[in-house]
Amino acid sequence: MARKSSEVKEVIVHYPEGENKEEFNKKASEAVIKILCDKYPKEVIEEVLDKLSKL
């Protein structure tokens, strides 16, 4: 029995208010760091950080 796919009619994105931006950025950074650490070896992460620090 096949299901009929439903269409997305509306998407609401809530951006952080001014006072919550710092906390939001911290949580987003922690999530990115966790994914990078799970996927890549330490040497690759250090290379990326070195390139970013030179920008």
PDB file of N, CA and C in Angstrom:
ATOM      1  N   MET A   1       0.851  -1.173   0.000  1.00  0.00           N
ATOM      2  CA  MET A   1       0.000   0.000   0.000  1.00  0.00           C
ATOM      3  C   MET A   1       0.900   1.241   0.000  1.00  0.00           C
ATOM      4  N   ALA A   2       0.804   2.046  -1.003  1.00  0.00           N
ATOM      5  CA  ALA A   2       1.625   3.255  -1.128  1.00  0.00           C
ATOM      6  C   ALA A   2       0.941   4.440  -0.461  1.00  0.00           C
ATOM      7  N   ARG A   3       1.741   5.244   0.207  1.00  0.00           N
ATOM      8  CA  ARG A   3       1.201   6.455   0.834  1.00  0.00           C
ATOM      9  C   ARG A   3       1.331   7.626  -0.121  1.00  0.00           C
ATOM     10  N   LYS A   4       0.406   8.491  -0.053  1.00  0.00           N
ATOM     11  CA  LYS A   4       0.443   9.701  -0.840  1.00  0.00           C
ATOM     12  C   LYS A   4       1.300  10.735  -0.094  1.00  0.00           C
ATOM     13  N   SER A   5       2.273  11.306  -0.792  1.00  0.00           N
ATOM     14  CA  SER A   5       3.130  12.282  -0.109  1.00  0.00           C
ATOM     15  C   SER A   5       2.385  13.599   0.063  1.00  0.00           C
ATOM     16  N   SER A   6       2.561  14.184   1.217  1.00  0.00           N
ATOM     17  CA  SER A   6       1.895  15.460   1.487  1.00  0.00           C
ATOM     18  C   SER A   6       2.818  16.600   1.073  1.00  0.00           C
ATOM     19  N   GLU A   7       2.248  17.667   0.659  1.00  0.00           N
ATOM     20  CA  GLU A   7       3.017  18.826   0.237  1.00  0.00           C
ATOM     21  C   GLU A   7       3.217  19.776   1.415  1.00  0.00           C
ATOM     22  N   VAL A   8       4.370  20.415   1.438  1.00  0.00           N
ATOM     23  CA  VAL A   8       4.640  21.423   2.454  1.00  0.00           C
ATOM     24  C   VAL A   8       4.028  22.722   1.957  1.00  0.00           C
ATOM     25  N   LYS A   9       3.102  23.252   2.719  1.00  0.00           N
ATOM     26  CA  LYS A   9       2.409  24.459   2.297  1.00  0.00           C
ATOM     27  C   LYS A   9       3.026  25.721   2.880  1.00  0.00           C
ATOM     28  N   GLU A  10       3.620  25.603   4.059  1.00  0.00           N
ATOM     29  CA  GLU A  10       4.161  26.779   4.714  1.00  0.00           C
ATOM     30  C   GLU A  10       5.290  26.373   5.646  1.00  0.00           C
ATOM     31  N   VAL A  11       6.348  27.137   5.638  1.00  0.00           N
ATOM     32  CA  VAL A  11       7.476  26.915   6.539  1.00  0.00           C
ATOM     33  C   VAL A  11       7.704  28.204   7.311  1.00  0.00           C
ATOM     34  N   ILE A  12       7.798  28.087   8.629  1.00  0.00           N
ATOM     35  CA  ILE A  12       8.042  29.251   9.479  1.00  0.00           C
ATOM     36  C   ILE A  12       9.419  29.091  10.113  1.00  0.00           C
ATOM     37  N   VAL A  13      10.250  30.097   9.947  1.00  0.00           N
ATOM     38  CA  VAL A  13      11.588  30.084  10.529  1.00  0.00           C
ATOM     39  C   VAL A  13      11.645  31.171  11.586  1.00  0.00           C
ATOM     40  N   HIS A  14      12.037  30.789  12.787  1.00  0.00           N
ATOM     41  CA  HIS A  14      12.143  31.742  13.885  1.00  0.00           C
ATOM     42  C   HIS A  14      13.615  32.089  14.092  1.00  0.00           C
ATOM     43  N   TYR A  15      13.973  33.315  13.791  1.00  0.00           N
ATOM     44  CA  TYR A  15      15.327  33.786  14.020  1.00  0.00           C
ATOM     45  C   TYR A  15      15.420  34.336  15.435  1.00  0.00           C
ATOM     46  N   PRO A  16      16.603  34.220  16.046  1.00  0.00           N
ATOM     47  CA  PRO A  16      16.737  34.695  17.427  1.00  0.00           C
ATOM     48  C   PRO A  16      16.647  36.215  17.518  1.00  0.00           C
ATOM     49  N   GLU A  17      16.115  36.661  18.617  1.00  0.00           N
ATOM     50  CA  GLU A  17      16.060  38.103  18.896  1.00  0.00           C
ATOM     51  C   GLU A  17      17.471  38.581  19.237  1.00  0.00           C
ATOM     52  N   GLY A  18      17.638  39.864  19.353  1.00  0.00           N
ATOM     53  CA  GLY A  18      18.949  40.447  19.618  1.00  0.00           C
ATOM     54  C   GLY A  18      19.650  39.876  20.831  1.00  0.00           C
ATOM     55  N   GLU A  19      18.921  39.716  21.923  1.00  0.00           N
ATOM     56  CA  GLU A  19      19.555  39.240  23.157  1.00  0.00           C
ATOM     57  C   GLU A  19      19.848  37.738  23.109  1.00  0.00           C
ATOM     58  N   ASN A  20      19.218  37.004  22.196  1.00  0.00           N
ATOM     59  CA  ASN A  20      19.423  35.558  22.123  1.00  0.00           C
ATOM     60  C   ASN A  20      20.416  35.145  21.045  1.00  0.00           C
ATOM     61  N   LYS A  21      20.935  36.095  20.286  1.00  0.00           N
ATOM     62  CA  LYS A  21      21.839  35.750  19.188  1.00  0.00           C
ATOM     63  C   LYS A  21      23.119  35.090  19.678  1.00  0.00           C
ATOM     64  N   GLU A  22      23.659  35.579  20.783  1.00  0.00           N
ATOM     65  CA  GLU A  22      24.900  35.004  21.298  1.00  0.00           C
ATOM     66  C   GLU A  22      24.689  33.547  21.719  1.00  0.00           C
ATOM     67  N   GLU A  23      23.618  33.285  22.423  1.00  0.00           N
ATOM     68  CA  GLU A  23      23.310  31.918  22.839  1.00  0.00           C
ATOM     69  C   GLU A  23      23.040  31.028  21.624  1.00  0.00           C
ATOM     70  N   PHE A  24      22.321  31.549  20.642  1.00  0.00           N
ATOM     71  CA  PHE A  24      22.025  30.803  19.422  1.00  0.00           C
ATOM     72  C   PHE A  24      23.321  30.450  18.690  1.00  0.00           C
ATOM     73  N   ASN A  25      24.213  31.431  18.550  1.00  0.00           N
ATOM     74  CA  ASN A  25      25.477  31.186  17.871  1.00  0.00           C
ATOM     75  C   ASN A  25      26.326  30.160  18.616  1.00  0.00           C
ATOM     76  N   LYS A  26      26.297  30.198  19.941  1.00  0.00           N
ATOM     77  CA  LYS A  26      27.054  29.236  20.735  1.00  0.00           C
ATOM     78  C   LYS A  26      26.527  27.821  20.503  1.00  0.00           C
ATOM     79  N   LYS A  27      25.208  27.654  20.533  1.00  0.00           N
ATOM     80  CA  LYS A  27      24.618  26.331  20.311  1.00  0.00           C
ATOM     81  C   LYS A  27      24.885  25.824  18.892  1.00  0.00           C
ATOM     82  N   ALA A  28      24.802  26.728  17.917  1.00  0.00           N
ATOM     83  CA  ALA A  28      25.073  26.344  16.536  1.00  0.00           C
ATOM     84  C   ALA A  28      26.534  25.925  16.375  1.00  0.00           C
ATOM     85  N   SER A  29      27.437  26.655  17.003  1.00  0.00           N
ATOM     86  CA  SER A  29      28.865  26.323  16.939  1.00  0.00           C
ATOM     87  C   SER A  29      29.144  24.968  17.570  1.00  0.00           C
ATOM     88  N   GLU A  30      28.522  24.700  18.695  1.00  0.00           N
ATOM     89  CA  GLU A  30      28.710  23.414  19.366  1.00  0.00           C
ATOM     90  C   GLU A  30      28.217  22.265  18.493  1.00  0.00           C
ATOM     91  N   ALA A  31      27.106  22.476  17.790  1.00  0.00           N
ATOM     92  CA  ALA A  31      26.572  21.440  16.912  1.00  0.00           C
ATOM     93  C   ALA A  31      27.519  21.163  15.744  1.00  0.00           C
ATOM     94  N   VAL A  32      28.063  22.236  15.162  1.00  0.00           N
ATOM     95  CA  VAL A  32      28.999  22.080  14.043  1.00  0.00           C
ATOM     96  C   VAL A  32      30.266  21.375  14.509  1.00  0.00           C
ATOM     97  N   ILE A  33      30.769  21.753  15.663  1.00  0.00           N
ATOM     98  CA  ILE A  33      31.983  21.133  16.207  1.00  0.00           C
ATOM     99  C   ILE A  33      31.762  19.640  16.438  1.00  0.00           C
ATOM    100  N   LYS A  34      30.619  19.289  16.985  1.00  0.00           N
ATOM    101  CA  LYS A  34      30.325  17.876  17.254  1.00  0.00           C
ATOM    102  C   LYS A  34      30.302  17.074  15.953  1.00  0.00           C
ATOM    103  N   ILE A  35      29.673  17.615  14.933  1.00  0.00           N
ATOM    104  CA  ILE A  35      29.607  16.916  13.646  1.00  0.00           C
ATOM    105  C   ILE A  35      31.004  16.777  13.038  1.00  0.00           C
ATOM    106  N   LEU A  36      31.782  17.853  13.083  1.00  0.00           N
ATOM    107  CA  LEU A  36      33.142  17.785  12.533  1.00  0.00           C
ATOM    108  C   LEU A  36      33.991  16.746  13.261  1.00  0.00           C
ATOM    109  N   CYS A  37      33.879  16.723  14.590  1.00  0.00           N
ATOM    110  CA  CYS A  37      34.673  15.770  15.377  1.00  0.00           C
ATOM    111  C   CYS A  37      34.252  14.329  15.109  1.00  0.00           C
ATOM    112  N   ASP A  38      32.977  14.115  14.836  1.00  0.00           N
ATOM    113  CA  ASP A  38      32.497  12.770  14.539  1.00  0.00           C
ATOM    114  C   ASP A  38      32.913  12.302  13.149  1.00  0.00           C
ATOM    115  N   LYS A  39      33.043  13.226  12.203  1.00  0.00           N
ATOM    116  CA  LYS A  39      33.283  12.853  10.808  1.00  0.00           C
ATOM    117  C   LYS A  39      34.743  12.893  10.378  1.00  0.00           C
ATOM    118  N   TYR A  40      35.537  13.794  10.954  1.00  0.00           N
ATOM    119  CA  TYR A  40      36.884  14.017  10.438  1.00  0.00           C
ATOM    120  C   TYR A  40      37.940  13.804  11.512  1.00  0.00           C
ATOM    121  N   PRO A  41      39.140  13.413  11.078  1.00  0.00           N
ATOM    122  CA  PRO A  41      40.235  13.259  12.050  1.00  0.00           C
ATOM    123  C   PRO A  41      40.729  14.619  12.547  1.00  0.00           C
ATOM    124  N   LYS A  42      41.441  14.570  13.636  1.00  0.00           N
ATOM    125  CA  LYS A  42      41.929  15.785  14.300  1.00  0.00           C
ATOM    126  C   LYS A  42      42.763  16.664  13.362  1.00  0.00           C
ATOM    127  N   GLU A  43      43.576  16.055  12.518  1.00  0.00           N
ATOM    128  CA  GLU A  43      44.454  16.804  11.623  1.00  0.00           C
ATOM    129  C   GLU A  43      43.655  17.661  10.641  1.00  0.00           C
ATOM    130  N   VAL A  44      42.565  17.118  10.135  1.00  0.00           N
ATOM    131  CA  VAL A  44      41.737  17.854   9.177  1.00  0.00           C
ATOM    132  C   VAL A  44      41.073  19.041   9.867  1.00  0.00           C
ATOM    133  N   ILE A  45      40.583  18.840  11.066  1.00  0.00           N
ATOM    134  CA  ILE A  45      39.935  19.920  11.819  1.00  0.00           C
ATOM    135  C   ILE A  45      40.941  21.027  12.124  1.00  0.00           C
ATOM    136  N   GLU A  46      42.154  20.657  12.526  1.00  0.00           N
ATOM    137  CA  GLU A  46      43.185  21.659  12.800  1.00  0.00           C
ATOM    138  C   GLU A  46      43.528  22.453  11.544  1.00  0.00           C
ATOM    139  N   GLU A  47      43.578  21.788  10.392  1.00  0.00           N
ATOM    140  CA  GLU A  47      43.867  22.474   9.129  1.00  0.00           C
ATOM    141  C   GLU A  47      42.769  23.486   8.796  1.00  0.00           C
ATOM    142  N   VAL A  48      41.521  23.090   9.003  1.00  0.00           N
ATOM    143  CA  VAL A  48      40.394  23.995   8.752  1.00  0.00           C
ATOM    144  C   VAL A  48      40.457  25.201   9.689  1.00  0.00           C
ATOM    145  N   LEU A  49      40.743  24.961  10.954  1.00  0.00           N
ATOM    146  CA  LEU A  49      40.848  26.054  11.921  1.00  0.00           C
ATOM    147  C   LEU A  49      41.978  27.011  11.570  1.00  0.00           C
ATOM    148  N   ASP A  50      43.102  26.470  11.114  1.00  0.00           N
ATOM    149  CA  ASP A  50      44.221  27.326  10.710  1.00  0.00           C
ATOM    150  C   ASP A  50      43.826  28.217   9.531  1.00  0.00           C
ATOM    151  N   LYS A  51      43.145  27.652   8.561  1.00  0.00           N
ATOM    152  CA  LYS A  51      42.711  28.437   7.397  1.00  0.00           C
ATOM    153  C   LYS A  51      41.697  29.501   7.803  1.00  0.00           C
ATOM    154  N   LEU A  52      40.806  29.150   8.698  1.00  0.00           N
ATOM    155  CA  LEU A  52      39.801  30.132   9.152  1.00  0.00           C
ATOM    156  C   LEU A  52      40.437  31.263   9.963  1.00  0.00           C
ATOM    157  N   SER A  53      41.437  30.941  10.738  1.00  0.00           N
ATOM    158  CA  SER A  53      42.084  31.979  11.564  1.00  0.00           C
ATOM    159  C   SER A  53      42.855  32.973  10.711  1.00  0.00           C
ATOM    160  N   LYS A  54      43.227  32.589   9.490  1.00  0.00           N
ATOM    161  CA  LYS A  54      43.967  33.480   8.595  1.00  0.00           C
ATOM    162  C   LYS A  54      43.056  34.417   7.815  1.00  0.00           C
ATOM    163  N   LEU A  55      41.758  34.185   7.872  1.00  0.00           N
ATOM    164  CA  LEU A  55      40.826  35.045   7.135  1.00  0.00           C
ATOM    165  C   LEU A  55      40.688  36.408   7.753  1.00  0.00           C
TER     166      LEU A  55
END
